[in-house]
């Protein structure tokens, strides 16, 4: 091989096309993991939302007077209805969903994780042997 002369242009790297760049980006593990997390989060959100709207809000409606309590509240200004009760219902819905998520994720899953961490892992063979040696040494040093 002959050395490159100053007039010979250096080899340029082939620039990836837009399709190749997109493929590299879209097929990275992080992007796919993020997509799966978003989809599962949306499904979990629907479950919690159904729980709130089907179970918890009707229970609150028992406490509040009237049909659906405050959801029917509205102001009338210049002949136009402003249903602020629907906004209040969504705020209450959000707070209940946030509380349910907090209880499930922080408290319940945290309790499960602490339970797993509380149990020490089983000792390895090396640790078992060292424990046996330590116990034998203690026994020998305790003998007169």
Protein backbone atom coordinates (compact mmCIF):
# COMPACT_ATOMS: atom_id res chain seq x y z
CA UNK A 1 0.00 0.00 0.00
CA UNK A 2 1.24 3.42 -0.74
CA UNK A 3 0.78 6.25 1.72
CA UNK A 4 -1.92 8.80 1.03
CA UNK A 5 -0.57 11.84 -0.72
CA UNK A 6 -1.57 15.29 0.40
CA UNK A 7 -3.64 15.67 -2.73
CA UNK A 8 -5.59 12.42 -2.19
CA UNK A 9 -8.88 13.15 -0.39
CA UNK A 10 -9.36 11.13 2.82
CA UNK A 11 -11.98 8.42 2.75
CA UNK A 12 -15.30 9.78 3.87
CA UNK A 13 -17.65 7.74 5.96
CA UNK A 14 -20.87 6.90 4.24
CA UNK A 15 -23.59 8.98 5.86
CA UNK A 16 -26.62 6.91 6.81
CA UNK A 17 -29.83 7.73 5.02
CA UNK A 18 -32.84 9.09 6.81
CA UNK A 19 -34.50 5.66 6.69
CA UNK A 20 -31.43 3.99 8.24
CA UNK A 21 -31.21 6.63 10.96
CA UNK A 22 -34.90 6.21 11.77
CA UNK A 23 -34.57 2.42 11.84
CA UNK A 24 -31.62 2.66 14.23
CA UNK A 25 -33.57 5.04 16.46
CA UNK A 26 -36.89 3.20 16.42
CA UNK A 27 -35.46 -0.25 17.02
CA UNK A 28 -33.33 0.68 20.02
CA UNK A 29 -34.35 -1.17 23.14
CA UNK A 30 -35.04 2.03 25.09
CA UNK A 31 -37.61 3.29 22.60
CA UNK A 32 -39.42 -0.04 22.51
CA UNK A 33 -39.37 -0.28 26.33
CA UNK A 34 -40.78 3.23 26.54
CA UNK A 35 -43.56 2.38 24.08
CA UNK A 36 -44.49 -0.74 26.04
CA UNK A 37 -44.50 1.28 29.28
CA UNK A 38 -46.76 3.94 27.79
CA UNK A 39 -49.21 1.33 26.46
CA UNK A 40 -49.34 -0.55 29.76
CA UNK A 41 -49.67 2.75 31.65
CA UNK A 42 -52.60 3.78 29.45
CA UNK A 43 -54.31 0.42 30.00
CA UNK A 44 -53.73 0.67 33.77
CA UNK A 45 -55.07 4.23 33.70
CA UNK A 46 -58.26 3.00 32.02
CA UNK A 47 -58.70 0.35 34.71
CA UNK A 48 -58.29 2.92 37.49
CA UNK A 49 -60.56 5.38 35.66
CA UNK A 50 -63.26 2.70 35.35
CA UNK A 51 -62.91 1.91 39.06
CA UNK A 52 -63.32 5.57 39.93
CA UNK A 53 -66.27 6.23 37.60
CA UNK A 54 -68.08 2.93 38.20
CA UNK A 55 -67.49 2.30 41.89
CA UNK A 56 -66.05 5.23 43.81
CA UNK A 57 -67.98 8.12 42.22
CA UNK A 58 -71.38 6.39 42.69
CA UNK A 59 -70.45 5.88 46.35
CA UNK A 60 -69.68 9.59 46.61
CA UNK A 61 -72.99 10.26 44.83
CA UNK A 62 -74.77 8.47 47.67
CA UNK A 63 -73.29 11.02 50.08
CA UNK A 64 -73.98 14.04 47.85
CA UNK A 65 -77.63 15.00 47.35
CA UNK A 66 -79.23 14.79 43.92
CA UNK A 67 -78.42 12.79 40.81
CA UNK A 68 -74.64 12.73 40.31
CA UNK A 69 -74.22 15.36 43.02
CA UNK A 70 -72.14 18.28 41.88
CA UNK A 71 -71.79 17.20 38.22
CA UNK A 72 -75.05 18.95 37.37
CA UNK A 73 -73.98 22.28 38.92
CA UNK A 74 -73.74 25.10 36.40
CA UNK A 75 -73.78 28.86 36.09
CA UNK A 76 -76.02 30.63 33.64
CA UNK A 77 -74.53 33.81 32.20
CA UNK A 78 -76.38 35.69 29.43
CA UNK A 79 -78.42 32.58 28.62
CA UNK A 80 -75.33 30.35 28.30
CA UNK A 81 -74.70 27.44 30.64
CA UNK A 82 -71.24 27.05 32.15
CA UNK A 83 -71.09 23.52 33.63
CA UNK A 84 -68.48 24.04 36.32
CA UNK A 85 -69.75 20.92 38.09
CA UNK A 86 -68.26 18.76 35.31
CA UNK A 87 -64.91 20.44 35.92
CA UNK A 88 -65.21 19.74 39.65
CA UNK A 89 -66.09 16.11 38.86
CA UNK A 90 -62.94 15.76 36.76
CA UNK A 91 -60.83 17.26 39.54
CA UNK A 92 -62.31 14.82 42.05
CA UNK A 93 -61.80 12.01 39.50
CA UNK A 94 -58.14 13.01 39.09
CA UNK A 95 -57.56 13.16 42.83
CA UNK A 96 -59.09 9.74 43.35
CA UNK A 97 -57.07 8.25 40.46
CA UNK A 98 -53.89 9.82 41.87
CA UNK A 99 -54.70 8.43 45.33
CA UNK A 100 -55.37 4.96 43.89
CA UNK A 101 -52.08 5.02 41.97
CA UNK A 102 -50.21 6.24 45.05
CA UNK A 103 -51.65 3.48 47.19
CA UNK A 104 -50.99 0.81 44.56
CA UNK A 105 -47.55 1.87 43.36
CA UNK A 106 -45.94 3.47 46.39
CA UNK A 107 -47.52 1.61 49.26
CA UNK A 108 -48.48 -1.82 47.89
CA UNK A 109 -45.53 -2.38 45.56
CA UNK A 110 -43.18 -0.78 48.12
CA UNK A 111 -44.49 -3.19 50.75
CA UNK A 112 -43.90 -6.14 48.40
CA UNK A 113 -40.39 -4.93 47.55
CA UNK A 114 -39.52 -4.47 51.24
CA UNK A 115 -40.80 -7.96 51.93
CA UNK A 116 -38.47 -9.34 49.25
CA UNK A 117 -35.54 -7.30 50.59
CA UNK A 118 -36.22 -8.35 54.18
CA UNK A 119 -35.46 -11.99 53.46
CA UNK A 120 -31.68 -12.33 53.17
CA UNK A 121 -30.46 -14.18 50.12
CA UNK A 122 -29.36 -17.75 50.72
CA UNK A 123 -25.65 -18.02 51.53
CA UNK A 124 -23.25 -19.10 48.82
CA UNK A 125 -21.07 -22.19 49.20
CA UNK A 126 -18.10 -19.98 50.09
CA UNK A 127 -20.09 -18.23 52.81
CA UNK A 128 -21.26 -21.59 54.20
CA UNK A 129 -17.68 -22.87 54.34
CA UNK A 130 -16.45 -19.69 56.03
CA UNK A 131 -19.25 -19.94 58.59
CA UNK A 132 -18.32 -23.56 59.34
CA UNK A 133 -14.63 -22.63 59.74
CA UNK A 134 -15.53 -19.73 62.03
CA UNK A 135 -17.74 -21.99 64.17
CA UNK A 136 -14.97 -24.62 64.41
CA UNK A 137 -12.44 -21.96 65.45
CA UNK A 138 -14.83 -20.67 68.11
CA UNK A 139 -15.30 -24.19 69.45
CA UNK A 140 -11.55 -24.84 69.60
CA UNK A 141 -10.83 -21.50 71.30
CA UNK A 142 -13.58 -22.20 73.88
CA UNK A 143 -12.05 -25.59 74.85
CA UNK A 144 -9.65 -25.51 77.82
